[in-house]
Every structure is written in C-alpha cells, then in structure tokens.
C-alpha cells in the first residue's frame, strides 16, 4: 500500500496551553486534526463554563486563517465544582467532558481532587446528563511506586467510583499498562480508553537506559516493554473501546531540562506519520482509521468527520523543534525512520 485515505482524525486528549505557546503549537494540531478535547489544566485552571468559553475564544482567535478546527472544551473538576454550572455548560454545547486530576498527579494538577466524596454530586449529575468524565488514572500516594500507580488507581479509585455512579461514562486517559487494557476489555461501552502516540513507541528503557532522556519523560511514565506491546495490540485491534488521545504536551526546552524537568511529549507535528508507521509495522493499516477517526466520535456521540486526510508512502522530515516566543519546544523523536507523510 502506497497511499491511504481516512476520515480526518480527531485528538481526544490535547494540551494547547495558552498565550504565545498556544499560538505556536495550535497550527500543528489543526493541520491534521478536525477536533480535539482540550485539557483544562491552565494556571489558573478552567473550572467554570464562563472560563471554558473564554478559553475557547482565545483558541479560535489564535487559529490561523484558512484552518478548520473545533476545540472541544472540558472543565477541570475540583472539590468545589458546581454541578449546576457543569450541566449548564454541557447543555449549551460548549463543554464535552469534565477532567479529573488526582491532586498532585501531573502538570498543573494542584487544584485536583483529594477527597473523592466531595465530587459525588457532580459525578451523579454527569451520569444523569451523559457527560463523560476524563480520568488521569494514577494514585499519588508516596508509598506507591510510580510504575504501579495506574494499576493501583484502577483498583482503589476507578472501579469503586464507577460502581458507585451507575451510568457514568468514563474515559481512561493515556493508559500505559496491560492492567488498564485488561480492565477496559472487561467493561461495557460506558468506558473508553485513549492511548497516546508516544506510549506505543517507547518503554521505560528509552527514558533511562544509556542516560536520562528528558524529552521521553511523561506522566503517566512509560512502563515495561510488555505493557507497551499490550497497548499496541489494543490500539491496532480496531476495538471500539480504544481511540487516539495524543496527550501532546509542549514544554519549552528550558523547562524540560531543569533539574526537576516537566513531564510531557510534544507529538502534534508527527503523530499521524508515526501512527501510520506503527500500524503498518503491525500489519494493521486497515484499522488506523478506526483508532484515529471513528472510535472516538462513537464514544462521544459525535459524527465522523466528512473531510479526509491522505497519507502517502514517502519519507517525512519532522523538524527537531519548533520556535515559540517562550523558547524552543522539542518535537518527539520516535527513534526510527518515518516512511509515511501526510499529503
């Protein structure tokens, strides 16, 4: 196969940041993706419908002329979130999901949830109105090893939360373990799971072996090779539970290379070329469209995009970094040649 045309893809987990950074990174997503679920972990976070509307306006103002892109807004769940505000924002068509960060789990998550009993009323309202909950699935207990935090979260938090809130639609975001794959496979269609581009490519050796590689450091952190292979099997299977959420997370090199560097991989510019290579290598190009363009809209109750994206079997040259007014941002390097390009 030398050419592949698919329905234009969507990104079901994206960090655009704000200000100068947003203006620099947004075109790289809008070039390939029709829609994206926009993460709300700004400083301060996007916690109300009014704040989500203002953020959406800033995104659209930063979109270059001639580019078509729809930001799907989310609210940052806190222990003080007003269920009525959430319901109103959803009813208006503005907000497509609410994001749950366990307090302290990742970048800009200090305002997240520590006492899950305090969010019960909001979760129950979300179940009533069909508004999905997007979950960063890691516990933050100091006594739990960082490589075990996703599996422990499923047992201690996610499964009890779902059992206590029947009908709540949940997205397990950026899953990184075979435990998460197995859990998703055992559930009904009220649960979906996003998988990132970089977690299909790297394991923890890529971060640590032969010297620390800061640009491969992300949260949840990449796990053992067996977990990576489980993610690839899930992503390339075509199973409707699994869909693309890049978690493309730009940080300036200055912030990535600090003694306590930021977590995140910036994959927006080359995700589609990488995914085409991954799916081809696994003999699953026929399922690429399901993963990138069909399964996500089905879960969120949205139509599949009518326009298309074409990939051709020609080598792609991705820039090593992009320039922003805040400083350079390194683009994720998959570590292997890319033989596909978006045309």
Foldseek 3Di string as FASTA:
>chain_A
DFKDKFFQFEAAAEEQAADQSNLFQVVLQLVGHAEYAYAQLYVVGAAFLVSLVVVQVRNVVSDDPPTHHYYAYEHEDALPRDLVRVVVSVVVVRHQAYEADAQPQAPSRPRHDDDVVSCLVNQQSCLVVVRAYEYQQFDDDPVDDLQCGNLVSVVPPVVVSCVVRDRHQYEDEQDAFLSVVVVLVPDDLSYAYEHALLSLQDAVCVQPPPHGDLQQFAPSHHHDPVSSVSVLCVLLVLDLRYAHHHQQDWDAPVQSPPPPHHHHAHASNCSVLSVCVSNVVVVRNVNNNSRGFNSVCVSSVHDTHPDMWMKGQAWDDDDQWTATPVHITGHDDSPDTGRIDID
